[in-house]
Amino acid sequence: MEIDAELRRQITVSLAAAAVFIVGLVGIGVTFGGSTVLPEAGAIALIALLAGFVLLMAGIGTYLMRAKDEP
């Protein structure tokens, strides 16, 4: 299978979004970690990160679909 420029762009953008999510997880772990129980503020931050990731991926999907349609 040959990887064209469009597929390369999709892979790069998706990997970058996943990297942002992982960095966010590590950041939450470093900020709120240190014990066996995640405090309430850490749980809210985790939920916000998950919601933000879902919205980010939806936005990326929309962008990639529109970019594909342009000549």
PDB file of N, CA and C in Angstrom:
ATOM      1  N   MET A   1       0.846  -1.170   0.000  1.00  0.00           N
ATOM      2  CA  MET A   1       0.000   0.000   0.000  1.00  0.00           C
ATOM      3  C   MET A   1       0.896   1.239   0.000  1.00  0.00           C
ATOM      4  N   GLU A   2       0.606   2.114  -0.903  1.00  0.00           N
ATOM      5  CA  GLU A   2       1.379   3.337  -1.030  1.00  0.00           C
ATOM      6  C   GLU A   2       0.761   4.429  -0.165  1.00  0.00           C
ATOM      7  N   ILE A   3       1.596   5.145   0.557  1.00  0.00           N
ATOM      8  CA  ILE A   3       1.119   6.216   1.424  1.00  0.00           C
ATOM      9  C   ILE A   3       1.273   7.540   0.683  1.00  0.00           C
ATOM     10  N   ASP A   4       0.144   8.146   0.353  1.00  0.00           N
ATOM     11  CA  ASP A   4       0.180   9.416  -0.358  1.00  0.00           C
ATOM     12  C   ASP A   4       0.192  10.570   0.643  1.00  0.00           C
ATOM     13  N   ALA A   5       0.228  11.776   0.139  1.00  0.00           N
ATOM     14  CA  ALA A   5       0.339  12.964   0.991  1.00  0.00           C
ATOM     15  C   ALA A   5      -0.880  13.117   1.895  1.00  0.00           C
ATOM     16  N   GLU A   6      -2.050  12.792   1.390  1.00  0.00           N
ATOM     17  CA  GLU A   6      -3.284  12.907   2.180  1.00  0.00           C
ATOM     18  C   GLU A   6      -3.247  11.981   3.390  1.00  0.00           C
ATOM     19  N   LEU A   7      -2.882  10.741   3.178  1.00  0.00           N
ATOM     20  CA  LEU A   7      -2.822   9.771   4.273  1.00  0.00           C
ATOM     21  C   LEU A   7      -1.725  10.154   5.268  1.00  0.00           C
ATOM     22  N   ARG A   8      -0.610  10.638   4.766  1.00  0.00           N
ATOM     23  CA  ARG A   8       0.465  11.086   5.644  1.00  0.00           C
ATOM     24  C   ARG A   8       0.008  12.233   6.543  1.00  0.00           C
ATOM     25  N   ARG A   9      -0.755  13.171   5.979  1.00  0.00           N
ATOM     26  CA  ARG A   9      -1.284  14.287   6.758  1.00  0.00           C
ATOM     27  C   ARG A   9      -2.244  13.781   7.835  1.00  0.00           C
ATOM     28  N   GLN A  10      -3.112  12.844   7.492  1.00  0.00           N
ATOM     29  CA  GLN A  10      -4.051  12.285   8.457  1.00  0.00           C
ATOM     30  C   GLN A  10      -3.325  11.580   9.596  1.00  0.00           C
ATOM     31  N   ILE A  11      -2.307  10.815   9.272  1.00  0.00           N
ATOM     32  CA  ILE A  11      -1.544  10.101  10.291  1.00  0.00           C
ATOM     33  C   ILE A  11      -0.831  11.089  11.208  1.00  0.00           C
ATOM     34  N   THR A  12      -0.212  12.098  10.628  1.00  0.00           N
ATOM     35  CA  THR A  12       0.545  13.072  11.414  1.00  0.00           C
ATOM     36  C   THR A  12      -0.356  13.845  12.368  1.00  0.00           C
ATOM     37  N   VAL A  13      -1.475  14.316  11.865  1.00  0.00           N
ATOM     38  CA  VAL A  13      -2.383  15.100  12.701  1.00  0.00           C
ATOM     39  C   VAL A  13      -2.975  14.232  13.806  1.00  0.00           C
ATOM     40  N   SER A  14      -3.344  13.011  13.500  1.00  0.00           N
ATOM     41  CA  SER A  14      -3.913  12.118  14.506  1.00  0.00           C
ATOM     42  C   SER A  14      -2.888  11.746  15.575  1.00  0.00           C
ATOM     43  N   LEU A  15      -1.665  11.488  15.172  1.00  0.00           N
ATOM     44  CA  LEU A  15      -0.620  11.178  16.150  1.00  0.00           C
ATOM     45  C   LEU A  15      -0.307  12.386  17.039  1.00  0.00           C
ATOM     46  N   ALA A  16      -0.341  13.574  16.459  1.00  0.00           N
ATOM     47  CA  ALA A  16      -0.104  14.778  17.256  1.00  0.00           C
ATOM     48  C   ALA A  16      -1.211  14.970  18.294  1.00  0.00           C
ATOM     49  N   ALA A  17      -2.461  14.726  17.905  1.00  0.00           N
ATOM     50  CA  ALA A  17      -3.574  14.845  18.853  1.00  0.00           C
ATOM     51  C   ALA A  17      -3.457  13.802  19.958  1.00  0.00           C
ATOM     52  N   ALA A  18      -3.071  12.581  19.608  1.00  0.00           N
ATOM     53  CA  ALA A  18      -2.887  11.539  20.619  1.00  0.00           C
ATOM     54  C   ALA A  18      -1.736  11.899  21.556  1.00  0.00           C
ATOM     55  N   ALA A  19      -0.681  12.497  21.027  1.00  0.00           N
ATOM     56  CA  ALA A  19       0.445  12.917  21.862  1.00  0.00           C
ATOM     57  C   ALA A  19       0.022  14.007  22.839  1.00  0.00           C
ATOM     58  N   VAL A  20      -0.809  14.927  22.396  1.00  0.00           N
ATOM     59  CA  VAL A  20      -1.327  15.974  23.281  1.00  0.00           C
ATOM     60  C   VAL A  20      -2.140  15.344  24.414  1.00  0.00           C
ATOM     61  N   PHE A  21      -2.937  14.338  24.094  1.00  0.00           N
ATOM     62  CA  PHE A  21      -3.730  13.645  25.110  1.00  0.00           C
ATOM     63  C   PHE A  21      -2.824  12.952  26.131  1.00  0.00           C
ATOM     64  N   ILE A  22      -1.792  12.279  25.664  1.00  0.00           N
ATOM     65  CA  ILE A  22      -0.882  11.575  26.569  1.00  0.00           C
ATOM     66  C   ILE A  22      -0.124  12.568  27.453  1.00  0.00           C
ATOM     67  N   VAL A  23       0.304  13.671  26.878  1.00  0.00           N
ATOM     68  CA  VAL A  23       0.977  14.707  27.672  1.00  0.00           C
ATOM     69  C   VAL A  23       0.020  15.251  28.733  1.00  0.00           C
ATOM     70  N   GLY A  24      -1.240  15.411  28.371  1.00  0.00           N
ATOM     71  CA  GLY A  24      -2.239  15.859  29.339  1.00  0.00           C
ATOM     72  C   GLY A  24      -2.431  14.865  30.467  1.00  0.00           C
ATOM     73  N   LEU A  25      -2.465  13.572  30.134  1.00  0.00           N
ATOM     74  CA  LEU A  25      -2.577  12.540  31.168  1.00  0.00           C
ATOM     75  C   LEU A  25      -1.391  12.566  32.119  1.00  0.00           C
ATOM     76  N   VAL A  26      -0.203  12.684  31.560  1.00  0.00           N
ATOM     77  CA  VAL A  26       1.000  12.751  32.395  1.00  0.00           C
ATOM     78  C   VAL A  26       0.968  14.015  33.257  1.00  0.00           C
ATOM     79  N   GLY A  27       0.545  15.114  32.688  1.00  0.00           N
ATOM     80  CA  GLY A  27       0.450  16.364  33.447  1.00  0.00           C
ATOM     81  C   GLY A  27      -0.522  16.257  34.609  1.00  0.00           C
ATOM     82  N   ILE A  28      -1.657  15.629  34.379  1.00  0.00           N
ATOM     83  CA  ILE A  28      -2.621  15.431  35.462  1.00  0.00           C
ATOM     84  C   ILE A  28      -2.044  14.500  36.514  1.00  0.00           C
ATOM     85  N   GLY A  29      -1.367  13.462  36.069  1.00  0.00           N
ATOM     86  CA  GLY A  29      -0.760  12.534  37.021  1.00  0.00           C
ATOM     87  C   GLY A  29       0.299  13.192  37.876  1.00  0.00           C
ATOM     88  N   VAL A  30       1.110  14.039  37.273  1.00  0.00           N
ATOM     89  CA  VAL A  30       2.166  14.726  38.021  1.00  0.00           C
ATOM     90  C   VAL A  30       1.567  15.764  38.971  1.00  0.00           C
ATOM     91  N   THR A  31       0.563  16.482  38.505  1.00  0.00           N
ATOM     92  CA  THR A  31      -0.033  17.541  39.309  1.00  0.00           C
ATOM     93  C   THR A  31      -0.843  16.992  40.483  1.00  0.00           C
ATOM     94  N   PHE A  32      -1.678  15.985  40.214  1.00  0.00           N
ATOM     95  CA  PHE A  32      -2.597  15.501  41.236  1.00  0.00           C
ATOM     96  C   PHE A  32      -2.204  14.138  41.804  1.00  0.00           C
ATOM     97  N   GLY A  33      -1.115  13.563  41.325  1.00  0.00           N
ATOM     98  CA  GLY A  33      -0.705  12.236  41.783  1.00  0.00           C
ATOM     99  C   GLY A  33      -0.008  12.285  43.124  1.00  0.00           C
ATOM    100  N   GLY A  34       0.648  11.190  43.438  1.00  0.00           N
ATOM    101  CA  GLY A  34       1.389  11.142  44.683  1.00  0.00           C
ATOM    102  C   GLY A  34       0.734  10.283  45.729  1.00  0.00           C
ATOM    103  N   SER A  35      -0.520   9.947  45.536  1.00  0.00           N
ATOM    104  CA  SER A  35      -1.208   9.060  46.464  1.00  0.00           C
ATOM    105  C   SER A  35      -1.943   7.997  45.654  1.00  0.00           C
ATOM    106  N   THR A  36      -2.586   7.098  46.335  1.00  0.00           N
ATOM    107  CA  THR A  36      -3.292   6.022  45.632  1.00  0.00           C
ATOM    108  C   THR A  36      -4.665   6.457  45.149  1.00  0.00           C
ATOM    109  N   VAL A  37      -5.145   7.588  45.646  1.00  0.00           N
ATOM    110  CA  VAL A  37      -6.482   8.061  45.296  1.00  0.00           C
ATOM    111  C   VAL A  37      -6.362   9.387  44.556  1.00  0.00           C
ATOM    112  N   LEU A  38      -7.066   9.516  43.452  1.00  0.00           N
ATOM    113  CA  LEU A  38      -7.086  10.774  42.701  1.00  0.00           C
ATOM    114  C   LEU A  38      -8.050  11.734  43.396  1.00  0.00           C
ATOM    115  N   PRO A  39      -7.592  12.931  43.775  1.00  0.00           N
ATOM    116  CA  PRO A  39      -8.498  13.879  44.439  1.00  0.00           C
ATOM    117  C   PRO A  39      -9.591  14.357  43.493  1.00  0.00           C
ATOM    118  N   GLU A  40     -10.590  14.996  44.070  1.00  0.00           N
ATOM    119  CA  GLU A  40     -11.741  15.449  43.282  1.00  0.00           C
ATOM    120  C   GLU A  40     -11.332  16.407  42.171  1.00  0.00           C
ATOM    121  N   ALA A  41     -10.421  17.305  42.447  1.00  0.00           N
ATOM    122  CA  ALA A  41      -9.959  18.254  41.432  1.00  0.00           C
ATOM    123  C   ALA A  41      -9.250  17.514  40.297  1.00  0.00           C
ATOM    124  N   GLY A  42      -8.510  16.477  40.631  1.00  0.00           N
ATOM    125  CA  GLY A  42      -7.845  15.679  39.604  1.00  0.00           C
ATOM    126  C   GLY A  42      -8.837  14.915  38.746  1.00  0.00           C
ATOM    127  N   ALA A  43      -9.896  14.423  39.368  1.00  0.00           N
ATOM    128  CA  ALA A  43     -10.930  13.709  38.617  1.00  0.00           C
ATOM    129  C   ALA A  43     -11.642  14.643  37.642  1.00  0.00           C
ATOM    130  N   ILE A  44     -11.909  15.850  38.087  1.00  0.00           N
ATOM    131  CA  ILE A  44     -12.552  16.836  37.202  1.00  0.00           C
ATOM    132  C   ILE A  44     -11.621  17.194  36.053  1.00  0.00           C
ATOM    133  N   ALA A  45     -10.337  17.340  36.347  1.00  0.00           N
ATOM    134  CA  ALA A  45      -9.367  17.630  35.293  1.00  0.00           C
ATOM    135  C   ALA A  45      -9.294  16.479  34.293  1.00  0.00           C
ATOM    136  N   LEU A  46      -9.370  15.253  34.777  1.00  0.00           N
ATOM    137  CA  LEU A  46      -9.337  14.093  33.887  1.00  0.00           C
ATOM    138  C   LEU A  46     -10.564  14.049  32.987  1.00  0.00           C
ATOM    139  N   ILE A  47     -11.733  14.309  33.538  1.00  0.00           N
ATOM    140  CA  ILE A  47     -12.958  14.349  32.739  1.00  0.00           C
ATOM    141  C   ILE A  47     -12.880  15.469  31.704  1.00  0.00           C
ATOM    142  N   ALA A  48     -12.362  16.624  32.102  1.00  0.00           N
ATOM    143  CA  ALA A  48     -12.208  17.740  31.161  1.00  0.00           C
ATOM    144  C   ALA A  48     -11.241  17.375  30.043  1.00  0.00           C
ATOM    145  N   LEU A  49     -10.159  16.684  30.382  1.00  0.00           N
ATOM    146  CA  LEU A  49      -9.197  16.254  29.368  1.00  0.00           C
ATOM    147  C   LEU A  49      -9.849  15.276  28.388  1.00  0.00           C
ATOM    148  N   LEU A  50     -10.607  14.331  28.900  1.00  0.00           N
ATOM    149  CA  LEU A  50     -11.291  13.370  28.019  1.00  0.00           C
ATOM    150  C   LEU A  50     -12.294  14.066  27.102  1.00  0.00           C
ATOM    151  N   ALA A  51     -13.079  14.981  27.661  1.00  0.00           N
ATOM    152  CA  ALA A  51     -14.048  15.721  26.842  1.00  0.00           C
ATOM    153  C   ALA A  51     -13.332  16.580  25.802  1.00  0.00           C
ATOM    154  N   GLY A  52     -12.251  17.221  26.209  1.00  0.00           N
ATOM    155  CA  GLY A  52     -11.482  18.027  25.265  1.00  0.00           C
ATOM    156  C   GLY A  52     -10.878  17.186  24.149  1.00  0.00           C
ATOM    157  N   PHE A  53     -10.424  15.980  24.493  1.00  0.00           N
ATOM    158  CA  PHE A  53      -9.858  15.093  23.479  1.00  0.00           C
ATOM    159  C   PHE A  53     -10.919  14.658  22.470  1.00  0.00           C
ATOM    160  N   VAL A  54     -12.105  14.348  22.953  1.00  0.00           N
ATOM    161  CA  VAL A  54     -13.193  13.964  22.042  1.00  0.00           C
ATOM    162  C   VAL A  54     -13.528  15.117  21.102  1.00  0.00           C
ATOM    163  N   LEU A  55     -13.631  16.321  21.657  1.00  0.00           N
ATOM    164  CA  LEU A  55     -13.925  17.487  20.816  1.00  0.00           C
ATOM    165  C   LEU A  55     -12.785  17.782  19.845  1.00  0.00           C
ATOM    166  N   LEU A  56     -11.547  17.617  20.300  1.00  0.00           N
ATOM    167  CA  LEU A  56     -10.389  17.823  19.432  1.00  0.00           C
ATOM    168  C   LEU A  56     -10.405  16.843  18.265  1.00  0.00           C
ATOM    169  N   MET A  57     -10.667  15.582  18.541  1.00  0.00           N
ATOM    170  CA  MET A  57     -10.695  14.583  17.471  1.00  0.00           C
ATOM    171  C   MET A  57     -11.849  14.837  16.498  1.00  0.00           C
ATOM    172  N   ALA A  58     -12.985  15.292  17.015  1.00  0.00           N
ATOM    173  CA  ALA A  58     -14.103  15.638  16.132  1.00  0.00           C
ATOM    174  C   ALA A  58     -13.724  16.811  15.231  1.00  0.00           C
ATOM    175  N   GLY A  59     -13.064  17.803  15.803  1.00  0.00           N
ATOM    176  CA  GLY A  59     -12.618  18.940  15.003  1.00  0.00           C
ATOM    177  C   GLY A  59     -11.581  18.552  13.970  1.00  0.00           C
ATOM    178  N   ILE A  60     -10.675  17.683  14.347  1.00  0.00           N
ATOM    179  CA  ILE A  60      -9.654  17.215  13.406  1.00  0.00           C
ATOM    180  C   ILE A  60     -10.300  16.424  12.272  1.00  0.00           C
ATOM    181  N   GLY A  61     -11.262  15.588  12.618  1.00  0.00           N
ATOM    182  CA  GLY A  61     -11.961  14.826  11.586  1.00  0.00           C
ATOM    183  C   GLY A  61     -12.680  15.729  10.602  1.00  0.00           C
ATOM    184  N   THR A  62     -13.330  16.751  11.127  1.00  0.00           N
ATOM    185  CA  THR A  62     -14.014  17.715  10.264  1.00  0.00           C
ATOM    186  C   THR A  62     -13.019  18.448   9.375  1.00  0.00           C
ATOM    187  N   TYR A  63     -11.903  18.868   9.954  1.00  0.00           N
ATOM    188  CA  TYR A  63     -10.877  19.559   9.177  1.00  0.00           C
ATOM    189  C   TYR A  63     -10.335  18.669   8.063  1.00  0.00           C
ATOM    190  N   LEU A  64     -10.039  17.422   8.387  1.00  0.00           N
ATOM    191  CA  LEU A  64      -9.466  16.520   7.383  1.00  0.00           C
ATOM    192  C   LEU A  64     -10.475  16.205   6.276  1.00  0.00           C
ATOM    193  N   MET A  65     -11.745  16.085   6.621  1.00  0.00           N
ATOM    194  CA  MET A  65     -12.767  15.848   5.589  1.00  0.00           C
ATOM    195  C   MET A  65     -12.883  17.054   4.657  1.00  0.00           C
ATOM    196  N   ARG A  66     -12.857  18.248   5.212  1.00  0.00           N
ATOM    197  CA  ARG A  66     -12.961  19.450   4.376  1.00  0.00           C
ATOM    198  C   ARG A  66     -11.711  19.676   3.557  1.00  0.00           C
ATOM    199  N   ALA A  67     -10.551  19.357   4.120  1.00  0.00           N
ATOM    200  CA  ALA A  67      -9.303  19.531   3.404  1.00  0.00           C
ATOM    201  C   ALA A  67      -9.224  18.555   2.232  1.00  0.00           C
ATOM    202  N   LYS A  68      -9.838  17.396   2.381  1.00  0.00           N
ATOM    203  CA  LYS A  68      -9.847  16.389   1.311  1.00  0.00           C
ATOM    204  C   LYS A  68     -10.685  16.865   0.129  1.00  0.00           C
ATOM    205  N   ASP A  69     -11.766  17.596   0.405  1.00  0.00           N
ATOM    206  CA  ASP A  69     -12.670  18.053  -0.654  1.00  0.00           C
ATOM    207  C   ASP A  69     -12.100  19.199  -1.470  1.00  0.00           C
ATOM    208  N   GLU A  70     -11.156  19.953  -0.897  1.00  0.00           N
ATOM    209  CA  GLU A  70     -10.589  21.090  -1.624  1.00  0.00           C
ATOM    210  C   GLU A  70      -9.644  20.605  -2.706  1.00  0.00           C
ATOM    211  N   PRO A  71      -9.660  21.266  -3.852  1.00  0.00           N
ATOM    212  CA  PRO A  71      -8.782  20.820  -4.961  1.00  0.00           C
ATOM    213  C   PRO A  71      -7.331  21.137  -4.737  1.00  0.00           C
TER     214      PRO A  71
END
